[in-house]
Amino acid sequence: MNRYISPSPFHTFEPLRHDPIELIPSIQSSQGGDHTEIKLLEDIPSSILELEEGENPMMDPAMMLFLCSVAWKGDGGMPEPLDRGVSRERIGRFPIEGGNAIEYLLNHTIEKSDDGLHELLAKLTLGLDEEFLGEGGFSSGMGGLELCGWLDSRDVTNLRRAIQKGKWAVDPSEPLDGGVADAFRHLTIILRGAEKRKCGILMRRHS
């Protein structure tokens, strides 16, 4: 009998309207039944606006963060992708165990300057983990939601510049020939898409 091998998770990069770090206090208040601040946010889904004051929401903090931070279409539809070419597929389904191209870049590049390359990559792939964020409950939620991390609009530009400056080297132990170069190429296209829209990006994992 053949042993079933589950497919690797894939990752998406969503455009952000609101910076997650600025939403956390409002979400924490809302979890306790005080929805005043969270309802003042611009362009948030009706599911947030319909929360009843004094009643705890049915959704968890991670789901609230996802709903309130992402740049949804005006009709509430899925956000416009940051790239319509092959880059979102290539970087989203990176050919390594776990499928995480950003983690691969962290593990197989060497910084040669203090331009924040690794710090920004870590924020993108780990930023919503409790250990990184200092707050729990924002990385996984209902329906299998898995949020990795994010970059605000300034971070997006800084990371793109750090990549293109080239003040980094590929670790000699890199397992994929050309993997770092390929991942950086596709990530740069995603970052440029975010820069054009003057938005941040949220990294999400799909198992």
Protein backbone atom coordinates (compact mmCIF):
# COMPACT_ATOMS: atom_id res chain seq x y z
CA MET A 1 0.00 0.00 0.00
CA ASN A 2 1.33 3.42 -0.93
CA ARG A 3 1.85 5.80 1.96
CA TYR A 4 -0.12 9.02 1.52
CA ILE A 5 2.09 12.10 1.44
CA SER A 6 0.15 15.25 2.22
CA PRO A 7 0.86 18.27 0.02
CA SER A 8 2.97 21.09 1.44
CA PRO A 9 1.12 24.09 2.82
CA PHE A 10 0.98 27.11 0.56
CA HIS A 11 1.20 30.78 1.46
CA THR A 12 -0.53 33.92 0.25
CA PHE A 13 0.30 37.59 0.62
CA GLU A 14 -2.74 39.81 1.18
CA PRO A 15 -2.83 43.61 0.80
CA LEU A 16 -3.39 45.42 4.09
CA ARG A 17 -5.56 48.44 4.76
CA HIS A 18 -4.82 48.69 8.49
CA ASP A 19 -1.59 47.92 10.36
CA PRO A 20 -2.20 44.86 12.59
CA ILE A 21 -0.15 46.23 15.48
CA GLU A 22 -2.49 49.24 15.68
CA LEU A 23 -5.57 47.02 15.69
CA ILE A 24 -4.62 44.81 18.62
CA PRO A 25 -5.85 47.09 21.46
CA SER A 26 -9.22 47.56 19.73
CA ILE A 27 -9.55 43.82 19.10
CA GLN A 28 -8.74 43.03 22.72
CA SER A 29 -11.39 45.51 23.86
CA SER A 30 -13.87 44.01 21.43
CA GLN A 31 -13.20 40.52 22.78
CA GLY A 32 -14.45 41.85 26.10
CA GLY A 33 -17.62 43.28 24.57
CA ASP A 34 -16.51 46.88 23.96
CA HIS A 35 -16.77 47.38 20.20
CA THR A 36 -16.68 51.18 20.13
CA GLU A 37 -13.14 51.62 18.82
CA ILE A 38 -13.15 48.78 16.33
CA LYS A 39 -16.32 50.07 14.69
CA LEU A 40 -14.63 53.42 14.02
CA LEU A 41 -12.19 51.82 11.55
CA GLU A 42 -12.68 52.67 7.89
CA ASP A 43 -13.82 50.07 5.37
CA ILE A 44 -14.35 47.14 7.71
CA PRO A 45 -16.68 44.19 7.00
CA SER A 46 -20.33 44.24 8.05
CA SER A 47 -19.67 41.33 10.42
CA ILE A 48 -17.65 43.75 12.58
CA LEU A 49 -20.12 46.63 12.31
CA GLU A 50 -22.96 44.31 13.38
CA LEU A 51 -21.33 43.35 16.70
CA GLU A 52 -23.64 44.02 19.65
CA GLU A 53 -22.25 46.29 22.34
CA GLY A 54 -21.74 44.45 25.62
CA GLU A 55 -21.71 41.03 23.96
CA ASN A 56 -18.54 39.06 23.31
CA PRO A 57 -18.00 38.34 19.60
CA MET A 58 -18.30 34.83 18.22
CA MET A 59 -15.02 35.27 16.32
CA ASP A 60 -11.57 34.91 17.85
CA PRO A 61 -8.80 37.57 17.86
CA ALA A 62 -7.01 36.14 14.80
CA MET A 63 -10.17 36.19 12.71
CA MET A 64 -10.97 39.73 13.82
CA LEU A 65 -7.45 40.82 12.92
CA PHE A 66 -7.77 39.23 9.49
CA LEU A 67 -11.16 40.80 8.80
CA CYS A 68 -10.16 44.27 10.00
CA SER A 69 -6.69 44.53 8.50
CA VAL A 70 -7.05 43.23 4.93
CA ALA A 71 -7.94 45.57 2.05
CA TRP A 72 -11.20 43.93 0.96
CA LYS A 73 -13.01 45.10 -2.16
CA GLY A 74 -15.74 47.68 -1.73
CA ASP A 75 -18.41 44.99 -2.03
CA GLY A 76 -16.70 42.85 0.59
CA GLY A 77 -15.15 40.54 -1.99
CA MET A 78 -11.66 39.08 -1.90
CA PRO A 79 -8.89 41.67 -2.15
CA GLU A 80 -7.19 42.39 -5.45
CA PRO A 81 -4.05 40.24 -5.59
CA LEU A 82 -0.69 41.99 -5.38
CA ASP A 83 0.48 40.01 -8.40
CA ARG A 84 -1.50 38.41 -11.23
CA GLY A 85 1.46 36.60 -12.78
CA VAL A 86 3.39 33.53 -11.74
CA SER A 87 5.12 35.07 -8.72
CA ARG A 88 2.32 34.56 -6.22
CA GLU A 89 2.13 30.89 -7.22
CA ARG A 90 5.90 30.35 -7.23
CA ILE A 91 6.54 31.97 -3.88
CA GLY A 92 3.31 30.61 -2.41
CA ARG A 93 4.18 27.00 -3.22
CA PHE A 94 7.93 27.01 -2.70
CA PRO A 95 9.43 23.53 -3.34
CA ILE A 96 10.67 22.79 0.17
CA GLU A 97 9.21 21.01 3.18
CA GLY A 98 6.65 23.37 4.68
CA GLY A 99 6.54 25.46 1.51
CA ASN A 100 7.65 28.66 3.27
CA ALA A 101 9.88 30.71 0.96
CA ILE A 102 10.41 33.48 3.52
CA GLU A 103 11.64 31.02 6.12
CA TYR A 104 13.94 29.57 3.45
CA LEU A 105 15.42 33.03 2.82
CA LEU A 106 16.01 33.55 6.53
CA ASN A 107 17.76 30.21 6.85
CA HIS A 108 19.91 30.42 3.74
CA THR A 109 21.09 34.03 3.44
CA ILE A 110 23.86 35.85 5.27
CA GLU A 111 23.48 39.57 6.01
CA LYS A 112 26.43 41.78 5.11
CA SER A 113 24.97 45.06 6.40
CA ASP A 114 22.54 46.34 9.02
CA ASP A 115 19.78 47.28 6.57
CA GLY A 116 17.25 45.09 8.40
CA LEU A 117 16.89 42.33 5.82
CA HIS A 118 16.51 39.46 8.28
CA GLU A 119 14.50 41.53 10.74
CA LEU A 120 11.92 42.33 8.07
CA LEU A 121 11.81 38.78 6.72
CA ALA A 122 11.25 37.54 10.29
CA LYS A 123 8.44 40.04 10.81
CA LEU A 124 6.78 38.84 7.61
CA THR A 125 6.86 35.13 8.46
CA LEU A 126 6.83 35.18 12.30
CA GLY A 127 5.41 38.56 13.29
CA LEU A 128 2.09 37.28 14.63
CA ASP A 129 3.52 34.38 16.63
CA GLU A 130 3.03 34.94 20.35
CA GLU A 131 6.76 34.77 21.04
CA PHE A 132 7.49 37.44 18.43
CA LEU A 133 4.44 39.66 19.01
CA GLY A 134 4.22 39.44 22.78
CA GLU A 135 0.46 38.82 22.55
CA GLY A 136 -1.30 35.48 22.14
CA GLY A 137 -4.22 34.47 19.95
CA PHE A 138 -3.39 36.35 16.75
CA SER A 139 -1.70 33.65 14.67
CA SER A 140 -4.38 30.97 14.42
CA GLY A 141 -8.14 31.15 14.42
CA MET A 142 -11.46 29.64 13.49
CA GLY A 143 -11.83 27.68 10.27
CA GLY A 144 -8.15 26.78 10.19
CA LEU A 145 -7.03 30.39 9.73
CA GLU A 146 -3.23 30.68 10.03
CA LEU A 147 -1.61 34.12 10.03
CA CYS A 148 2.19 34.29 9.83
CA GLY A 149 3.21 37.93 9.99
CA TRP A 150 3.04 41.23 8.17
CA LEU A 151 4.84 44.30 6.89
CA ASP A 152 3.47 47.84 6.94
CA SER A 153 3.87 50.04 3.86
CA ARG A 154 7.19 51.46 5.06
CA ASP A 155 8.52 47.97 5.80
CA VAL A 156 7.55 46.91 2.28
CA THR A 157 9.74 49.59 0.73
CA ASN A 158 12.60 48.96 3.15
CA LEU A 159 12.61 45.22 2.46
CA ARG A 160 12.51 45.71 -1.31
CA ARG A 161 15.46 48.10 -1.07
CA ALA A 162 17.41 45.75 1.21
CA ILE A 163 16.95 42.92 -1.28
CA GLN A 164 17.97 45.01 -4.26
CA LYS A 165 21.03 46.51 -2.57
CA GLY A 166 22.46 43.01 -2.63
CA LYS A 167 24.32 43.35 0.66
CA TRP A 168 23.66 39.73 1.49
CA ALA A 169 25.13 36.39 0.44
CA VAL A 170 23.73 32.94 -0.18
CA ASP A 171 24.67 30.41 2.49
CA PRO A 172 26.92 27.74 0.93
CA SER A 173 24.67 25.06 2.43
CA GLU A 174 21.64 26.18 0.41
CA PRO A 175 19.83 22.96 -0.59
CA LEU A 176 18.08 24.31 -3.70
CA ASP A 177 20.31 25.47 -6.52
CA GLY A 178 19.21 29.05 -7.20
CA GLY A 179 16.49 28.87 -4.55
CA VAL A 180 17.42 32.11 -2.78
CA ALA A 181 17.63 34.06 -6.04
CA ASP A 182 14.29 32.65 -7.19
CA ALA A 183 12.54 33.42 -3.90
CA PHE A 184 13.92 36.96 -3.77
CA ARG A 185 12.87 37.59 -7.38
CA HIS A 186 9.26 36.61 -6.78
CA LEU A 187 9.11 38.33 -3.38
CA THR A 188 10.34 41.56 -4.98
CA ILE A 189 7.46 41.44 -7.46
CA ILE A 190 4.98 41.05 -4.58
CA LEU A 191 6.62 43.95 -2.73
CA ARG A 192 6.47 46.19 -5.81
CA GLY A 193 2.79 45.41 -6.16
CA ALA A 194 2.24 46.55 -2.58
CA GLU A 195 4.33 49.69 -3.13
CA LYS A 196 2.21 50.67 -6.13
CA ARG A 197 -0.89 50.44 -3.95
CA LYS A 198 0.83 52.07 -0.96
CA CYS A 199 -0.20 49.20 1.30
CA GLY A 200 1.31 46.66 3.65
CA ILE A 201 1.14 42.89 3.24
CA LEU A 202 -0.11 40.04 5.42
CA MET A 203 1.39 36.56 5.03
CA ARG A 204 -1.07 33.70 5.46
CA ARG A 205 -0.51 29.94 5.57
CA HIS A 206 -2.99 27.45 4.07
CA SER A 207 -2.64 23.83 5.17
